[in-house]
C-alpha atoms as a PDB file:
ATOM      1  CA  UNK A   1     -11.413  -0.806  35.375  1.00  0.00           C
ATOM      2  CA  UNK A   2     -14.954   0.990  35.677  1.00  0.00           C
ATOM      3  CA  UNK A   3     -16.340  -1.435  32.991  1.00  0.00           C
ATOM      4  CA  UNK A   4     -14.348  -4.297  32.125  1.00  0.00           C
ATOM      5  CA  UNK A   5     -13.973  -7.503  33.938  1.00  0.00           C
ATOM      6  CA  UNK A   6     -10.955  -7.691  36.060  1.00  0.00           C
ATOM      7  CA  UNK A   7      -8.257  -9.724  33.973  1.00  0.00           C
ATOM      8  CA  UNK A   8      -9.438  -8.244  30.701  1.00  0.00           C
ATOM      9  CA  UNK A   9      -6.438  -6.691  29.007  1.00  0.00           C
ATOM     10  CA  UNK A  10      -7.400  -3.088  28.169  1.00  0.00           C
ATOM     11  CA  UNK A  11      -5.185  -1.071  25.294  1.00  0.00           C
ATOM     12  CA  UNK A  12      -5.637   2.317  23.924  1.00  0.00           C
ATOM     13  CA  UNK A  13      -4.730   3.050  20.678  1.00  0.00           C
ATOM     14  CA  UNK A  14      -3.595   5.888  19.343  1.00  0.00           C
ATOM     15  CA  UNK A  15      -3.806   6.129  15.342  1.00  0.00           C
ATOM     16  CA  UNK A  16      -1.259   6.782  13.346  1.00  0.00           C
ATOM     17  CA  UNK A  17      -0.322  10.780  13.320  1.00  0.00           C
ATOM     18  CA  UNK A  18      -2.103  10.758  16.885  1.00  0.00           C
ATOM     19  CA  UNK A  19      -0.192  10.272  20.300  1.00  0.00           C
ATOM     20  CA  UNK A  20       2.806   8.182  20.109  1.00  0.00           C
ATOM     21  CA  UNK A  21       1.728   6.638  17.232  1.00  0.00           C
ATOM     22  CA  UNK A  22       4.181   7.029  14.123  1.00  0.00           C
ATOM     23  CA  UNK A  23       2.990   9.663  11.268  1.00  0.00           C
ATOM     24  CA  UNK A  24       2.159   9.272   7.922  1.00  0.00           C
ATOM     25  CA  UNK A  25       0.748  11.360   4.638  1.00  0.00           C
ATOM     26  CA  UNK A  26      -1.363   8.476   4.165  1.00  0.00           C
ATOM     27  CA  UNK A  27      -4.041   8.271   6.256  1.00  0.00           C
ATOM     28  CA  UNK A  28      -7.101   6.090   4.360  1.00  0.00           C
ATOM     29  CA  UNK A  29      -9.514   3.716   6.624  1.00  0.00           C
ATOM     30  CA  UNK A  30      -7.407   0.665   5.182  1.00  0.00           C
ATOM     31  CA  UNK A  31      -4.406   2.377   6.347  1.00  0.00           C
ATOM     32  CA  UNK A  32      -5.689   2.514   9.914  1.00  0.00           C
ATOM     33  CA  UNK A  33      -7.814  -0.701  10.221  1.00  0.00           C
ATOM     34  CA  UNK A  34      -4.531  -2.769   9.150  1.00  0.00           C
ATOM     35  CA  UNK A  35      -2.796  -0.897  11.711  1.00  0.00           C
ATOM     36  CA  UNK A  36      -5.134  -2.170  14.418  1.00  0.00           C
ATOM     37  CA  UNK A  37      -4.705  -5.554  12.633  1.00  0.00           C
ATOM     38  CA  UNK A  38      -1.347  -5.172  13.243  1.00  0.00           C
ATOM     39  CA  UNK A  39      -1.765  -4.425  16.792  1.00  0.00           C
ATOM     40  CA  UNK A  40      -3.707  -7.722  17.404  1.00  0.00           C
ATOM     41  CA  UNK A  41      -0.713  -9.619  15.781  1.00  0.00           C
ATOM     42  CA  UNK A  42       1.720  -8.203  18.194  1.00  0.00           C
ATOM     43  CA  UNK A  43      -0.454  -9.017  21.142  1.00  0.00           C
ATOM     44  CA  UNK A  44      -1.299 -12.265  19.567  1.00  0.00           C
ATOM     45  CA  UNK A  45      -5.224 -12.225  19.978  1.00  0.00           C
ATOM     46  CA  UNK A  46      -7.440 -13.506  16.957  1.00  0.00           C
ATOM     47  CA  UNK A  47     -10.371 -10.868  17.896  1.00  0.00           C
ATOM     48  CA  UNK A  48     -10.845  -7.990  20.506  1.00  0.00           C
ATOM     49  CA  UNK A  49     -13.932  -5.893  21.508  1.00  0.00           C
ATOM     50  CA  UNK A  50     -13.310  -2.592  19.998  1.00  0.00           C
ATOM     51  CA  UNK A  51     -14.239   0.798  21.170  1.00  0.00           C
ATOM     52  CA  UNK A  52     -14.151   3.601  18.603  1.00  0.00           C
ATOM     53  CA  UNK A  53     -14.542   7.547  19.034  1.00  0.00           C
ATOM     54  CA  UNK A  54     -15.266   9.564  15.688  1.00  0.00           C
ATOM     55  CA  UNK A  55     -12.394   8.787  13.089  1.00  0.00           C
ATOM     56  CA  UNK A  56     -11.556   5.719  15.342  1.00  0.00           C
ATOM     57  CA  UNK A  57     -15.247   4.682  15.198  1.00  0.00           C
ATOM     58  CA  UNK A  58     -15.226   5.029  12.017  1.00  0.00           C
ATOM     59  CA  UNK A  59     -12.217   2.334  11.842  1.00  0.00           C
ATOM     60  CA  UNK A  60     -13.695   0.055  14.016  1.00  0.00           C
ATOM     61  CA  UNK A  61     -16.384  -0.232  11.744  1.00  0.00           C
ATOM     62  CA  UNK A  62     -14.721  -0.682   8.961  1.00  0.00           C
ATOM     63  CA  UNK A  63     -12.808  -3.393  10.598  1.00  0.00           C
ATOM     64  CA  UNK A  64     -15.832  -5.122  11.803  1.00  0.00           C
ATOM     65  CA  UNK A  65     -17.427  -4.704   8.492  1.00  0.00           C
ATOM     66  CA  UNK A  66     -14.427  -6.035   6.531  1.00  0.00           C
ATOM     67  CA  UNK A  67     -13.428  -8.795   8.936  1.00  0.00           C
ATOM     68  CA  UNK A  68     -16.475  -9.341  11.176  1.00  0.00           C
ATOM     69  CA  UNK A  69     -14.962 -12.511  12.449  1.00  0.00           C
ATOM     70  CA  UNK A  70     -12.077 -10.526  14.477  1.00  0.00           C
ATOM     71  CA  UNK A  71     -14.469  -8.508  16.515  1.00  0.00           C
ATOM     72  CA  UNK A  72     -16.232  -9.974  19.300  1.00  0.00           C
ATOM     73  CA  UNK A  73     -18.002  -6.399  19.901  1.00  0.00           C
ATOM     74  CA  UNK A  74     -18.353  -3.110  18.813  1.00  0.00           C
ATOM     75  CA  UNK A  75     -18.879   0.083  20.482  1.00  0.00           C
ATOM     76  CA  UNK A  76     -19.111   3.328  17.988  1.00  0.00           C
ATOM     77  CA  UNK A  77     -19.296   6.512  19.971  1.00  0.00           C
ATOM     78  CA  UNK A  78     -20.982   9.807  18.139  1.00  0.00           C
ATOM     79  CA  UNK A  79     -19.699   8.752  14.349  1.00  0.00           C
ATOM     80  CA  UNK A  80     -22.416   7.102  12.139  1.00  0.00           C
ATOM     81  CA  UNK A  81     -21.403   4.945   8.963  1.00  0.00           C
ATOM     82  CA  UNK A  82     -21.780   7.425   6.617  1.00  0.00           C
ATOM     83  CA  UNK A  83     -19.895  10.135   4.446  1.00  0.00           C
ATOM     84  CA  UNK A  84     -19.587  13.228   6.147  1.00  0.00           C
ATOM     85  CA  UNK A  85     -20.070  16.275   3.293  1.00  0.00           C
ATOM     86  CA  UNK A  86     -18.903  19.000   6.082  1.00  0.00           C
ATOM     87  CA  UNK A  87     -15.651  19.127   8.527  1.00  0.00           C
ATOM     88  CA  UNK A  88     -16.576  22.435   9.396  1.00  0.00           C
ATOM     89  CA  UNK A  89     -16.031  21.928  13.243  1.00  0.00           C
ATOM     90  CA  UNK A  90     -12.641  19.778  12.845  1.00  0.00           C
ATOM     91  CA  UNK A  91     -11.046  21.986  10.375  1.00  0.00           C
ATOM     92  CA  UNK A  92     -11.727  24.986  12.460  1.00  0.00           C
ATOM     93  CA  UNK A  93     -10.100  23.103  15.466  1.00  0.00           C
ATOM     94  CA  UNK A  94      -7.346  22.619  13.289  1.00  0.00           C
ATOM     95  CA  UNK A  95      -6.863  25.827  11.794  1.00  0.00           C
ATOM     96  CA  UNK A  96      -7.124  27.182  15.695  1.00  0.00           C
ATOM     97  CA  UNK A  97      -3.947  25.111  16.437  1.00  0.00           C
ATOM     98  CA  UNK A  98      -2.012  26.186  13.666  1.00  0.00           C
ATOM     99  CA  UNK A  99      -3.035  29.989  14.736  1.00  0.00           C
ATOM    100  CA  UNK A 100      -1.154  29.100  18.154  1.00  0.00           C
ATOM    101  CA  UNK A 101       2.042  30.671  18.093  1.00  0.00           C
ATOM    102  CA  UNK A 102       3.783  27.836  19.956  1.00  0.00           C
ATOM    103  CA  UNK A 103       7.168  29.790  20.276  1.00  0.00           C
ATOM    104  CA  UNK A 104       5.177  32.133  22.505  1.00  0.00           C
ATOM    105  CA  UNK A 105       3.839  29.259  24.556  1.00  0.00           C
ATOM    106  CA  UNK A 106       5.453  28.357  27.840  1.00  0.00           C
ATOM    107  CA  UNK A 107       2.602  26.819  29.606  1.00  0.00           C
ATOM    108  CA  UNK A 108      -0.631  24.950  28.963  1.00  0.00           C
ATOM    109  CA  UNK A 109      -2.268  27.834  30.707  1.00  0.00           C
ATOM    110  CA  UNK A 110      -0.571  29.992  28.247  1.00  0.00           C
ATOM    111  CA  UNK A 111      -1.810  28.419  25.249  1.00  0.00           C
ATOM    112  CA  UNK A 112      -5.604  28.223  26.715  1.00  0.00           C
ATOM    113  CA  UNK A 113      -5.597  31.598  26.992  1.00  0.00           C
ATOM    114  CA  UNK A 114      -4.427  32.202  23.362  1.00  0.00           C
ATOM    115  CA  UNK A 115      -6.937  29.808  22.262  1.00  0.00           C
ATOM    116  CA  UNK A 116     -10.297  31.442  24.000  1.00  0.00           C
ATOM    117  CA  UNK A 117     -11.333  33.247  21.318  1.00  0.00           C
ATOM    118  CA  UNK A 118     -10.152  30.584  18.472  1.00  0.00           C
ATOM    119  CA  UNK A 119     -11.967  27.766  20.544  1.00  0.00           C
ATOM    120  CA  UNK A 120     -14.819  29.474  22.489  1.00  0.00           C
ATOM    121  CA  UNK A 121     -16.410  25.900  23.671  1.00  0.00           C
ATOM    122  CA  UNK A 122     -14.777  25.038  27.038  1.00  0.00           C
ATOM    123  CA  UNK A 123     -15.227  21.237  26.752  1.00  0.00           C
ATOM    124  CA  UNK A 124     -13.876  21.213  22.996  1.00  0.00           C
ATOM    125  CA  UNK A 125     -10.868  23.797  23.951  1.00  0.00           C
ATOM    126  CA  UNK A 126      -9.902  21.831  26.692  1.00  0.00           C
ATOM    127  CA  UNK A 127      -9.643  18.455  24.858  1.00  0.00           C
ATOM    128  CA  UNK A 128      -7.579  20.261  22.294  1.00  0.00           C
ATOM    129  CA  UNK A 129      -4.994  21.421  24.800  1.00  0.00           C
ATOM    130  CA  UNK A 130      -4.845  17.605  25.799  1.00  0.00           C
ATOM    131  CA  UNK A 131      -2.859  17.292  22.903  1.00  0.00           C
ATOM    132  CA  UNK A 132      -0.049  20.039  23.733  1.00  0.00           C
ATOM    133  CA  UNK A 133       3.135  18.234  25.223  1.00  0.00           C
ATOM    134  CA  UNK A 134       6.815  19.000  26.674  1.00  0.00           C
ATOM    135  CA  UNK A 135       9.498  19.111  24.306  1.00  0.00           C
ATOM    136  CA  UNK A 136      12.301  16.392  25.190  1.00  0.00           C
ATOM    137  CA  UNK A 137      15.875  16.933  26.612  1.00  0.00           C
ATOM    138  CA  UNK A 138      14.408  19.814  29.428  1.00  0.00           C
ATOM    139  CA  UNK A 139      13.418  22.550  26.411  1.00  0.00           C
ATOM    140  CA  UNK A 140      10.298  23.629  28.271  1.00  0.00           C
ATOM    141  CA  UNK A 141       8.451  24.663  24.940  1.00  0.00           C
ATOM    142  CA  UNK A 142       5.352  22.769  24.216  1.00  0.00           C
ATOM    143  CA  UNK A 143       4.450  20.942  20.798  1.00  0.00           C
ATOM    144  CA  UNK A 144       1.363  19.369  19.469  1.00  0.00           C
ATOM    145  CA  UNK A 145       1.550  15.591  19.577  1.00  0.00           C
ATOM    146  CA  UNK A 146      -0.685  15.047  16.533  1.00  0.00           C
ATOM    147  CA  UNK A 147       0.526  15.762  12.794  1.00  0.00           C
ATOM    148  CA  UNK A 148      -1.729  18.735  11.452  1.00  0.00           C
ATOM    149  CA  UNK A 149      -0.367  18.597   8.237  1.00  0.00           C
ATOM    150  CA  UNK A 150      -1.585  15.163   7.507  1.00  0.00           C
ATOM    151  CA  UNK A 151      -4.835  15.340   9.368  1.00  0.00           C
ATOM    152  CA  UNK A 152      -5.666  18.507   7.185  1.00  0.00           C
ATOM    153  CA  UNK A 153      -4.447  17.453   3.866  1.00  0.00           C
ATOM    154  CA  UNK A 154      -6.779  13.946   4.519  1.00  0.00           C
ATOM    155  CA  UNK A 155      -9.729  15.949   5.462  1.00  0.00           C
ATOM    156  CA  UNK A 156      -9.074  18.006   2.514  1.00  0.00           C
ATOM    157  CA  UNK A 157      -8.910  14.802   0.370  1.00  0.00           C
ATOM    158  CA  UNK A 158     -12.145  13.324   1.693  1.00  0.00           C
ATOM    159  CA  UNK A 159      -9.907  10.482   3.044  1.00  0.00           C
ATOM    160  CA  UNK A 160     -11.305  10.958   6.639  1.00  0.00           C
ATOM    161  CA  UNK A 161     -14.945  12.088   5.500  1.00  0.00           C
ATOM    162  CA  UNK A 162     -15.898   9.414   3.356  1.00  0.00           C
ATOM    163  CA  UNK A 163     -17.164   6.066   4.546  1.00  0.00           C
ATOM    164  CA  UNK A 164     -17.728   3.077   1.805  1.00  0.00           C
ATOM    165  CA  UNK A 165     -18.299  -0.110   3.280  1.00  0.00           C
ATOM    166  CA  UNK A 166     -17.285  -3.071   2.088  1.00  0.00           C
ATOM    167  CA  UNK A 167     -19.303  -5.197  -0.609  1.00  0.00           C
ATOM    168  CA  UNK A 168     -21.941  -7.152   1.384  1.00  0.00           C
ATOM    169  CA  UNK A 169     -20.477  -6.201   4.490  1.00  0.00           C
ATOM    170  CA  UNK A 170     -22.481  -6.829   7.740  1.00  0.00           C
ATOM    171  CA  UNK A 171     -21.385  -7.061  11.313  1.00  0.00           C
ATOM    172  CA  UNK A 172     -24.175  -8.835  13.251  1.00  0.00           C
ATOM    173  CA  UNK A 173     -22.159  -8.981  16.143  1.00  0.00           C
ATOM    174  CA  UNK A 174     -23.224  -7.053  19.669  1.00  0.00           C
ATOM    175  CA  UNK A 175     -22.821  -3.398  18.675  1.00  0.00           C
ATOM    176  CA  UNK A 176     -23.662   0.036  20.516  1.00  0.00           C
ATOM    177  CA  UNK A 177     -23.863   3.682  19.330  1.00  0.00           C
ATOM    178  CA  UNK A 178     -23.401   6.035  21.764  1.00  0.00           C
ATOM    179  CA  UNK A 179     -24.227   9.579  20.556  1.00  0.00           C
ATOM    180  CA  UNK A 180     -24.468  12.688  22.406  1.00  0.00           C
ATOM    181  CA  UNK A 181     -27.642  14.544  22.614  1.00  0.00           C
ATOM    182  CA  UNK A 182     -25.899  18.076  21.230  1.00  0.00           C
ATOM    183  CA  UNK A 183     -23.926  16.499  18.547  1.00  0.00           C
ATOM    184  CA  UNK A 184     -24.898  16.403  14.902  1.00  0.00           C
ATOM    185  CA  UNK A 185     -23.129  13.542  13.961  1.00  0.00           C
ATOM    186  CA  UNK A 186     -25.223  10.551  14.931  1.00  0.00           C
ATOM    187  CA  UNK A 187     -28.681  11.634  13.599  1.00  0.00           C
ATOM    188  CA  UNK A 188     -32.211   9.948  13.640  1.00  0.00           C
ATOM    189  CA  UNK A 189     -32.003   9.609   9.695  1.00  0.00           C
ATOM    190  CA  UNK A 190     -28.664   7.286   9.941  1.00  0.00           C
ATOM    191  CA  UNK A 191     -30.858   4.736  11.859  1.00  0.00           C
ATOM    192  CA  UNK A 192     -31.999   2.578   8.558  1.00  0.00           C
ATOM    193  CA  UNK A 193     -28.218   2.490   7.526  1.00  0.00           C
ATOM    194  CA  UNK A 194     -26.982   1.514  11.316  1.00  0.00           C
ATOM    195  CA  UNK A 195     -29.907  -1.273  10.981  1.00  0.00           C
ATOM    196  CA  UNK A 196     -28.278  -2.316   7.706  1.00  0.00           C
ATOM    197  CA  UNK A 197     -24.903  -2.735   8.470  1.00  0.00           C
ATOM    198  CA  UNK A 198     -24.949  -3.360  12.505  1.00  0.00           C
ATOM    199  CA  UNK A 199     -28.679  -5.294  12.590  1.00  0.00           C
ATOM    200  CA  UNK A 200     -27.719  -6.083  16.030  1.00  0.00           C
ATOM    201  CA  UNK A 201     -27.075  -2.734  17.294  1.00  0.00           C
ATOM    202  CA  UNK A 202     -28.723  -0.543  19.736  1.00  0.00           C
ATOM    203  CA  UNK A 203     -28.618   3.554  20.234  1.00  0.00           C
ATOM    204  CA  UNK A 204     -27.829   5.470  23.483  1.00  0.00           C
ATOM    205  CA  UNK A 205     -28.045   9.283  23.893  1.00  0.00           C
ATOM    206  CA  UNK A 206     -26.574  10.703  26.690  1.00  0.00           C
ATOM    207  CA  UNK A 207     -28.140  13.790  27.787  1.00  0.00           C
ATOM    208  CA  UNK A 208     -26.199  17.023  27.540  1.00  0.00           C
ATOM    209  CA  UNK A 209     -23.047  15.674  25.564  1.00  0.00           C
ATOM    210  CA  UNK A 210     -21.612  16.644  22.385  1.00  0.00           C
ATOM    211  CA  UNK A 211     -19.504  15.165  19.831  1.00  0.00           C
ATOM    212  CA  UNK A 212     -16.498  14.220  22.742  1.00  0.00           C
ATOM    213  CA  UNK A 213     -18.903  12.343  24.813  1.00  0.00           C
ATOM    214  CA  UNK A 214     -16.397  10.408  26.980  1.00  0.00           C
ATOM    215  CA  UNK A 215     -14.913  13.816  27.931  1.00  0.00           C
ATOM    216  CA  UNK A 216     -17.733  15.780  28.474  1.00  0.00           C
ATOM    217  CA  UNK A 217     -20.120  13.156  30.247  1.00  0.00           C
ATOM    218  CA  UNK A 218     -17.647  10.745  31.460  1.00  0.00           C
ATOM    219  CA  UNK A 219     -19.753   8.863  34.193  1.00  0.00           C
ATOM    220  CA  UNK A 220     -22.889   8.619  32.343  1.00  0.00           C
ATOM    221  CA  UNK A 221     -20.937   7.444  29.486  1.00  0.00           C
ATOM    222  CA  UNK A 222     -19.337   4.485  31.923  1.00  0.00           C
ATOM    223  CA  UNK A 223     -22.567   4.033  33.129  1.00  0.00           C
ATOM    224  CA  UNK A 224     -23.815   3.324  29.839  1.00  0.00           C
ATOM    225  CA  UNK A 225     -21.101   0.999  28.639  1.00  0.00           C
ATOM    226  CA  UNK A 226     -21.198  -0.590  31.905  1.00  0.00           C
ATOM    227  CA  UNK A 227     -24.668  -1.561  31.619  1.00  0.00           C
ATOM    228  CA  UNK A 228     -24.265  -2.738  27.856  1.00  0.00           C
ATOM    229  CA  UNK A 229     -21.285  -4.906  28.401  1.00  0.00           C
ATOM    230  CA  UNK A 230     -22.923  -6.577  31.235  1.00  0.00           C
ATOM    231  CA  UNK A 231     -25.925  -7.566  28.860  1.00  0.00           C
ATOM    232  CA  UNK A 232     -23.716  -8.695  26.015  1.00  0.00           C
ATOM    233  CA  UNK A 233     -20.650  -9.795  26.917  1.00  0.00           C
END
């Protein structure tokens, strides 16, 4: 509501193995942008403005490069159109989630205390804790709402670290890259590749933010989006 015009329909999509979406062993970029296109079909829309963070950003980029006519504009948050050789941060987080003994956890605060040493960064830890939910049917125990097994296997296999653009794929619609000043995911060395694939793009840096830009600096993030959409849509 702080970014888009009144009357515009906004949907927050859980990618497969996240949130309320279904779980699957297969988790390729093709799988996931097909999921998004299927959602377009359910809504009855031909095209949409896309915003994607991290893995969601790669899904949005691949969809825009493969089917540019389906994307009205593109906002990519703290990820570049390139393979990443290291997934140490995400692997560390997933390992920490595995180590949390949910049989001994009866509240988010208990989980927070157990994760203090495993995930020492406060902002990252709080973001991880948003994935803890209650079991159904009055069960007071908590569970993860992400499919940890599939996420870990697809990180190890390279499905979630690769990025191979479609041959001759270019998205020349309005495009914004937003990066955190403290993050290493979108570096100056990526500028040439970004310009080749997204020639009508600009990059904005939010000071003091790490990888979870929208969680760590929400007001600055909304301000950047509001200004950019005001000029480009």
